[in-house]
Protein backbone atom coordinates (compact mmCIF):
# COMPACT_ATOMS: atom_id res chain seq x y z
CA UNK A 1 122.44 133.24 84.97
CA UNK A 2 119.67 133.65 82.67
CA UNK A 3 115.65 134.29 83.86
CA UNK A 4 115.04 130.74 82.54
CA UNK A 5 118.23 129.25 84.38
CA UNK A 6 117.26 130.89 87.89
CA UNK A 7 113.43 129.85 87.65
CA UNK A 8 114.62 126.11 87.14
CA UNK A 9 117.23 126.45 90.05
CA UNK A 10 114.28 127.50 92.28
CA UNK A 11 112.20 124.65 91.05
CA UNK A 12 114.64 121.76 91.11
CA UNK A 13 116.19 120.89 94.51
CA UNK A 14 118.02 118.05 93.63
CA UNK A 15 120.35 117.12 90.66
CA UNK A 16 122.20 114.16 89.81
CA UNK A 17 125.32 113.58 87.54
CA UNK A 18 125.24 111.25 84.89
CA UNK A 19 128.00 108.70 86.12
CA UNK A 20 125.97 108.51 89.54
CA UNK A 21 123.17 107.37 87.35
CA UNK A 22 125.01 104.95 85.62
CA UNK A 23 126.36 103.79 89.06
CA UNK A 24 122.56 103.46 90.33
CA UNK A 25 121.56 101.42 87.34
CA UNK A 26 124.67 99.37 86.87
CA UNK A 27 125.08 101.13 83.13
CA UNK A 28 127.70 102.47 80.78
CA UNK A 29 127.71 106.21 80.94
CA UNK A 30 127.24 106.04 77.02
CA UNK A 31 123.49 104.23 77.64
CA UNK A 32 122.77 107.25 79.87
CA UNK A 33 124.36 109.65 77.11
CA UNK A 34 122.26 107.96 74.50
CA UNK A 35 119.15 108.30 76.61
CA UNK A 36 120.00 112.29 76.99
CA UNK A 37 120.49 112.31 72.86
CA UNK A 38 117.56 110.50 72.09
CA UNK A 39 115.16 112.60 73.94
CA UNK A 40 114.08 110.19 76.45
CA UNK A 41 115.89 112.11 79.25
CA UNK A 42 116.76 115.79 79.93
CA UNK A 43 120.30 116.50 81.16
CA UNK A 44 121.20 120.46 81.55
CA UNK A 45 124.88 122.15 81.74
CA UNK A 46 124.96 123.88 85.43
CA UNK A 47 127.07 124.74 88.04
CA UNK A 48 130.56 126.03 87.92
CA UNK A 49 131.99 123.09 85.61
CA UNK A 50 128.99 123.37 83.41
CA UNK A 51 128.53 119.26 83.82
CA UNK A 52 125.74 117.48 82.36
CA UNK A 53 123.15 117.06 85.47
CA UNK A 54 119.28 115.66 85.45
CA UNK A 55 116.73 116.49 87.77
CA UNK A 56 117.07 113.73 90.41
CA UNK A 57 113.36 113.16 90.41
CA UNK A 58 113.47 111.86 87.17
CA UNK A 59 115.39 108.75 88.16
CA UNK A 60 114.60 105.52 90.34
CA UNK A 61 116.77 102.48 91.34
CA UNK A 62 114.99 100.96 88.35
CA UNK A 63 115.52 103.51 85.55
CA UNK A 64 113.35 106.25 84.42
CA UNK A 65 110.27 107.75 86.11
CA UNK A 66 107.32 105.55 84.60
CA UNK A 67 105.69 107.91 81.51
CA UNK A 68 108.60 110.43 81.79
CA UNK A 69 109.51 109.72 78.24
CA UNK A 70 106.42 110.05 76.69
CA UNK A 71 105.30 113.14 78.19
CA UNK A 72 108.96 114.45 77.22
CA UNK A 73 107.95 113.69 73.74
CA UNK A 74 104.48 115.52 74.00
CA UNK A 75 105.91 118.67 75.25
CA UNK A 76 108.61 118.69 72.59
CA UNK A 77 105.99 118.16 70.02
CA UNK A 78 104.43 121.21 71.56
CA UNK A 79 107.62 123.04 70.93
CA UNK A 80 109.14 123.45 74.57
CA UNK A 81 112.80 123.51 74.90
CA UNK A 82 114.33 121.43 77.48
CA UNK A 83 114.28 124.22 80.20
CA UNK A 84 110.87 124.95 79.72
CA UNK A 85 109.81 121.05 79.96
CA UNK A 86 111.91 121.08 83.19
CA UNK A 87 109.89 124.22 84.27
CA UNK A 88 106.50 122.69 83.37
CA UNK A 89 107.31 119.37 84.91
CA UNK A 90 108.27 121.24 88.35
CA UNK A 91 105.60 123.90 88.69
CA UNK A 92 102.53 123.34 91.03
CA UNK A 93 99.50 122.82 88.84
CA UNK A 94 96.20 123.08 91.03
CA UNK A 95 94.33 120.78 88.71
CA UNK A 96 96.80 117.97 89.62
CA UNK A 97 97.21 118.86 92.53
CA UNK A 98 100.97 119.22 92.88
CA UNK A 99 103.59 119.37 89.86
CA UNK A 100 103.53 117.10 86.79
CA UNK A 101 106.57 115.35 87.97
CA UNK A 102 105.09 114.43 91.43
CA UNK A 103 102.23 113.42 89.66
CA UNK A 104 104.51 111.08 87.43
CA UNK A 105 106.50 109.74 90.58
CA UNK A 106 103.19 108.72 91.92
CA UNK A 107 102.21 106.79 88.59
CA UNK A 108 99.89 109.19 88.00
CA UNK A 109 101.49 109.43 84.00
CA UNK A 110 97.37 109.59 82.25
CA UNK A 111 96.78 112.71 84.18
CA UNK A 112 100.16 114.29 83.29
CA UNK A 113 99.99 113.07 79.75
CA UNK A 114 96.65 114.30 79.11
CA UNK A 115 97.59 118.02 80.22
CA UNK A 116 101.01 117.67 78.16
CA UNK A 117 98.51 116.72 74.82
CA UNK A 118 96.63 119.90 75.84
CA UNK A 119 99.82 121.95 75.30
CA UNK A 120 99.55 120.93 71.88
CA UNK A 121 96.42 122.97 71.38
């Protein structure tokens, strides 16, 4: 396991599989795969079978956590890898307070996006 993978494993407490997301949302797996392919959602290969999994905190019953896609775009524009994005989203930031993903779940997307934009500088 790489250092990044180990860090992510320690930060992300719960993961979900793509078929489980499809069942929760009532959509086809191709729709969720398209979200991953288009960059609206991050999925990483993990576990013994290297299956695609998504941090469970990204998902609500209605869809993606509000402002997640925009935040992902900003961080990719700052040249973050998917692993670095996950690490950034789940790492505590005293200025928020809490982690960016906690702030997104609490509908504090403006604060998170402001910090993500600062990564572009």
